[in-house]
Amino acid sequence: MLIQASRLKQMDIIPYGTQKIEEEDVAAVVNVLRTGALTQGSSVQEFENTFSDFLKNVSNDPSEIYSLAVNNGTTALHLCALALV
């Protein structure tokens, strides 16, 4: 669908995304920040284990499920590509 530029200015902007951040989420972030262990603390290992458990529950072969938290999406995609070769 082609939209004329003159009409585009009159249209409402489509929101990028909406987030639902609750007080429990804020408290969890504050707790991690207070530990000082942002990258290798117990919350990271807890997340990896919880995510692995979730994947094991939905996998046809739960014996081969591992999870690894990384610092960003680019690193995650790089690891995915390496896993394919």
N, C-alpha and C. Protein backbone atom coordinates (compact mmCIF):
# COMPACT_ATOMS: atom_id res chain seq x y z
N MET A 1 0.84 -1.17 0.00
CA MET A 1 0.00 0.00 0.00
C MET A 1 0.88 1.24 0.00
N LEU A 2 0.70 2.10 -0.95
CA LEU A 2 1.49 3.32 -1.08
C LEU A 2 0.78 4.47 -0.41
N ILE A 3 1.46 5.15 0.48
CA ILE A 3 0.87 6.28 1.19
C ILE A 3 1.52 7.56 0.70
N GLN A 4 0.72 8.52 0.31
CA GLN A 4 1.25 9.79 -0.14
C GLN A 4 1.89 10.53 1.03
N ALA A 5 2.98 11.24 0.76
CA ALA A 5 3.70 11.96 1.81
C ALA A 5 2.80 12.96 2.53
N SER A 6 1.89 13.62 1.82
CA SER A 6 1.02 14.60 2.46
C SER A 6 0.09 13.94 3.49
N ARG A 7 -0.35 12.71 3.20
CA ARG A 7 -1.20 11.99 4.15
C ARG A 7 -0.39 11.46 5.32
N LEU A 8 0.86 11.11 5.09
CA LEU A 8 1.71 10.54 6.12
C LEU A 8 1.88 11.53 7.27
N LYS A 9 2.00 12.80 6.97
CA LYS A 9 2.18 13.81 8.01
C LYS A 9 0.95 13.92 8.89
N GLN A 10 -0.20 13.60 8.34
CA GLN A 10 -1.45 13.73 9.09
C GLN A 10 -1.75 12.50 9.94
N MET A 11 -1.11 11.39 9.64
CA MET A 11 -1.40 10.14 10.34
C MET A 11 -0.75 10.14 11.73
N ASP A 12 -1.36 9.43 12.63
CA ASP A 12 -0.75 9.23 13.93
C ASP A 12 0.47 8.33 13.77
N ILE A 13 1.47 8.57 14.59
CA ILE A 13 2.68 7.75 14.55
C ILE A 13 2.38 6.41 15.21
N ILE A 14 2.80 5.34 14.57
CA ILE A 14 2.63 4.01 15.15
C ILE A 14 3.67 3.85 16.26
N PRO A 15 3.25 3.49 17.46
CA PRO A 15 4.22 3.36 18.56
C PRO A 15 5.21 2.23 18.30
N TYR A 16 6.44 2.46 18.70
CA TYR A 16 7.51 1.47 18.52
C TYR A 16 7.19 0.19 19.27
N GLY A 17 6.76 0.33 20.47
CA GLY A 17 6.44 -0.83 21.29
C GLY A 17 5.98 -0.37 22.66
N THR A 18 5.34 -1.24 23.34
CA THR A 18 4.91 -0.91 24.69
C THR A 18 5.49 -1.94 25.64
N GLN A 19 5.79 -1.49 26.81
CA GLN A 19 6.36 -2.36 27.82
C GLN A 19 5.43 -2.37 29.02
N LYS A 20 5.40 -3.49 29.66
CA LYS A 20 4.65 -3.62 30.91
C LYS A 20 5.67 -3.91 32.00
N ILE A 21 6.07 -2.86 32.68
CA ILE A 21 7.08 -2.98 33.74
C ILE A 21 6.36 -2.79 35.07
N GLU A 22 6.38 -3.82 35.88
CA GLU A 22 5.70 -3.78 37.17
C GLU A 22 6.71 -3.57 38.29
N GLU A 23 6.21 -3.26 39.47
CA GLU A 23 7.09 -2.99 40.62
C GLU A 23 7.98 -4.19 40.93
N GLU A 24 7.48 -5.39 40.72
CA GLU A 24 8.28 -6.60 40.94
C GLU A 24 9.50 -6.61 40.01
N ASP A 25 9.32 -6.17 38.77
CA ASP A 25 10.42 -6.09 37.82
C ASP A 25 11.46 -5.06 38.27
N VAL A 26 10.99 -3.91 38.69
CA VAL A 26 11.88 -2.84 39.16
C VAL A 26 12.66 -3.32 40.38
N ALA A 27 11.99 -3.98 41.30
CA ALA A 27 12.66 -4.48 42.50
C ALA A 27 13.73 -5.52 42.16
N ALA A 28 13.45 -6.37 41.18
CA ALA A 28 14.44 -7.38 40.78
C ALA A 28 15.68 -6.72 40.20
N VAL A 29 15.48 -5.68 39.38
CA VAL A 29 16.63 -4.97 38.80
C VAL A 29 17.43 -4.26 39.89
N VAL A 30 16.74 -3.62 40.80
CA VAL A 30 17.42 -2.93 41.90
C VAL A 30 18.24 -3.92 42.73
N ASN A 31 17.67 -5.09 43.00
CA ASN A 31 18.41 -6.10 43.76
C ASN A 31 19.69 -6.51 43.07
N VAL A 32 19.64 -6.70 41.76
CA VAL A 32 20.85 -7.06 41.01
C VAL A 32 21.85 -5.91 41.04
N LEU A 33 21.37 -4.69 40.84
CA LEU A 33 22.27 -3.53 40.86
C LEU A 33 22.98 -3.40 42.20
N ARG A 34 22.29 -3.70 43.26
CA ARG A 34 22.89 -3.58 44.60
C ARG A 34 23.94 -4.65 44.88
N THR A 35 23.88 -5.77 44.19
CA THR A 35 24.89 -6.81 44.42
C THR A 35 26.23 -6.43 43.83
N GLY A 36 26.22 -5.58 42.80
CA GLY A 36 27.46 -5.23 42.13
C GLY A 36 27.91 -6.27 41.11
N ALA A 37 27.19 -7.36 41.01
CA ALA A 37 27.56 -8.43 40.09
C ALA A 37 26.61 -8.41 38.90
N LEU A 38 26.81 -7.45 38.01
CA LEU A 38 25.88 -7.27 36.90
C LEU A 38 26.05 -8.31 35.80
N THR A 39 27.25 -8.82 35.60
CA THR A 39 27.49 -9.68 34.44
C THR A 39 27.70 -11.14 34.78
N GLN A 40 28.10 -11.45 36.00
CA GLN A 40 28.38 -12.85 36.32
C GLN A 40 27.81 -13.24 37.68
N GLY A 41 26.80 -12.56 38.11
CA GLY A 41 26.22 -12.85 39.41
C GLY A 41 25.30 -14.05 39.39
N SER A 42 24.74 -14.33 40.55
CA SER A 42 23.87 -15.50 40.69
C SER A 42 22.60 -15.37 39.86
N SER A 43 22.15 -14.15 39.58
CA SER A 43 20.95 -13.96 38.76
C SER A 43 21.16 -14.44 37.34
N VAL A 44 22.37 -14.30 36.83
CA VAL A 44 22.66 -14.77 35.48
C VAL A 44 22.57 -16.30 35.43
N GLN A 45 23.19 -16.94 36.39
CA GLN A 45 23.13 -18.41 36.43
C GLN A 45 21.70 -18.89 36.66
N GLU A 46 20.95 -18.19 37.49
CA GLU A 46 19.55 -18.55 37.73
C GLU A 46 18.73 -18.42 36.44
N PHE A 47 18.99 -17.36 35.67
CA PHE A 47 18.29 -17.18 34.40
C PHE A 47 18.64 -18.30 33.42
N GLU A 48 19.94 -18.61 33.30
CA GLU A 48 20.35 -19.69 32.40
C GLU A 48 19.69 -21.01 32.78
N ASN A 49 19.67 -21.33 34.06
CA ASN A 49 19.06 -22.59 34.52
C ASN A 49 17.56 -22.62 34.28
N THR A 50 16.89 -21.50 34.57
CA THR A 50 15.44 -21.43 34.37
C THR A 50 15.10 -21.57 32.89
N PHE A 51 15.87 -20.89 32.04
CA PHE A 51 15.63 -20.97 30.60
C PHE A 51 15.89 -22.38 30.08
N SER A 52 16.96 -23.02 30.56
CA SER A 52 17.24 -24.41 30.16
C SER A 52 16.11 -25.34 30.58
N ASP A 53 15.61 -25.15 31.79
CA ASP A 53 14.49 -25.98 32.26
C ASP A 53 13.27 -25.79 31.37
N PHE A 54 12.99 -24.55 30.99
CA PHE A 54 11.87 -24.28 30.10
C PHE A 54 12.05 -25.01 28.77
N LEU A 55 13.24 -24.91 28.19
CA LEU A 55 13.50 -25.55 26.90
C LEU A 55 13.41 -27.06 27.00
N LYS A 56 13.87 -27.62 28.10
CA LYS A 56 13.78 -29.07 28.29
C LYS A 56 12.33 -29.53 28.31
N ASN A 57 11.45 -28.69 28.82
CA ASN A 57 10.03 -29.06 28.89
C ASN A 57 9.35 -29.03 27.54
N VAL A 58 9.89 -28.29 26.58
CA VAL A 58 9.26 -28.20 25.27
C VAL A 58 10.05 -28.90 24.17
N SER A 59 11.15 -29.54 24.53
CA SER A 59 12.03 -30.17 23.56
C SER A 59 11.70 -31.65 23.37
N ASN A 60 11.97 -32.14 22.16
CA ASN A 60 11.84 -33.57 21.89
C ASN A 60 13.02 -34.35 22.45
N ASP A 61 14.16 -33.67 22.65
CA ASP A 61 15.35 -34.33 23.18
C ASP A 61 15.94 -33.46 24.30
N PRO A 62 15.36 -33.54 25.49
CA PRO A 62 15.80 -32.66 26.57
C PRO A 62 17.21 -32.93 27.09
N SER A 63 17.84 -34.01 26.64
CA SER A 63 19.19 -34.30 27.12
C SER A 63 20.23 -33.37 26.52
N GLU A 64 19.92 -32.68 25.45
CA GLU A 64 20.88 -31.83 24.75
C GLU A 64 20.52 -30.34 24.84
N ILE A 65 20.05 -29.89 25.96
CA ILE A 65 19.64 -28.50 26.13
C ILE A 65 20.62 -27.78 27.04
N TYR A 66 21.18 -26.69 26.54
CA TYR A 66 22.08 -25.85 27.32
C TYR A 66 21.71 -24.39 27.05
N SER A 67 21.95 -23.54 28.02
CA SER A 67 21.67 -22.11 27.85
C SER A 67 22.89 -21.31 28.29
N LEU A 68 23.07 -20.19 27.62
CA LEU A 68 24.18 -19.31 27.93
C LEU A 68 23.72 -17.87 27.74
N ALA A 69 23.79 -17.09 28.79
CA ALA A 69 23.44 -15.67 28.69
C ALA A 69 24.62 -14.92 28.07
N VAL A 70 24.32 -14.01 27.15
CA VAL A 70 25.35 -13.19 26.50
C VAL A 70 24.99 -11.72 26.65
N ASN A 71 25.91 -10.85 26.25
CA ASN A 71 25.74 -9.42 26.51
C ASN A 71 24.83 -8.68 25.54
N ASN A 72 24.56 -9.23 24.36
CA ASN A 72 23.69 -8.52 23.42
C ASN A 72 23.23 -9.46 22.31
N GLY A 73 22.33 -8.96 21.48
CA GLY A 73 21.77 -9.76 20.40
C GLY A 73 22.78 -10.15 19.34
N THR A 74 23.73 -9.26 19.07
CA THR A 74 24.75 -9.57 18.07
C THR A 74 25.58 -10.77 18.50
N THR A 75 25.98 -10.79 19.75
CA THR A 75 26.74 -11.93 20.27
C THR A 75 25.91 -13.20 20.21
N ALA A 76 24.62 -13.10 20.53
CA ALA A 76 23.74 -14.26 20.48
C ALA A 76 23.65 -14.81 19.06
N LEU A 77 23.49 -13.92 18.07
CA LEU A 77 23.41 -14.36 16.66
C LEU A 77 24.74 -14.96 16.20
N HIS A 78 25.86 -14.40 16.66
CA HIS A 78 27.18 -14.93 16.30
C HIS A 78 27.31 -16.37 16.83
N LEU A 79 26.90 -16.58 18.07
CA LEU A 79 26.98 -17.93 18.63
C LEU A 79 26.06 -18.90 17.89
N CYS A 80 24.89 -18.41 17.49
CA CYS A 80 23.98 -19.27 16.68
C CYS A 80 24.64 -19.68 15.38
N ALA A 81 25.30 -18.74 14.73
CA ALA A 81 25.97 -19.03 13.46
C ALA A 81 27.11 -20.03 13.68
N LEU A 82 27.86 -19.85 14.75
CA LEU A 82 28.95 -20.79 15.04
C LEU A 82 28.42 -22.19 15.34
N ALA A 83 27.26 -22.27 15.96
CA ALA A 83 26.68 -23.57 16.29
C ALA A 83 26.27 -24.34 15.04
N LEU A 84 26.05 -23.64 13.94
CA LEU A 84 25.62 -24.28 12.69
C LEU A 84 26.77 -24.89 11.90
N VAL A 85 27.99 -24.50 12.22
CA VAL A 85 29.13 -25.01 11.44
C VAL A 85 29.85 -26.11 12.16
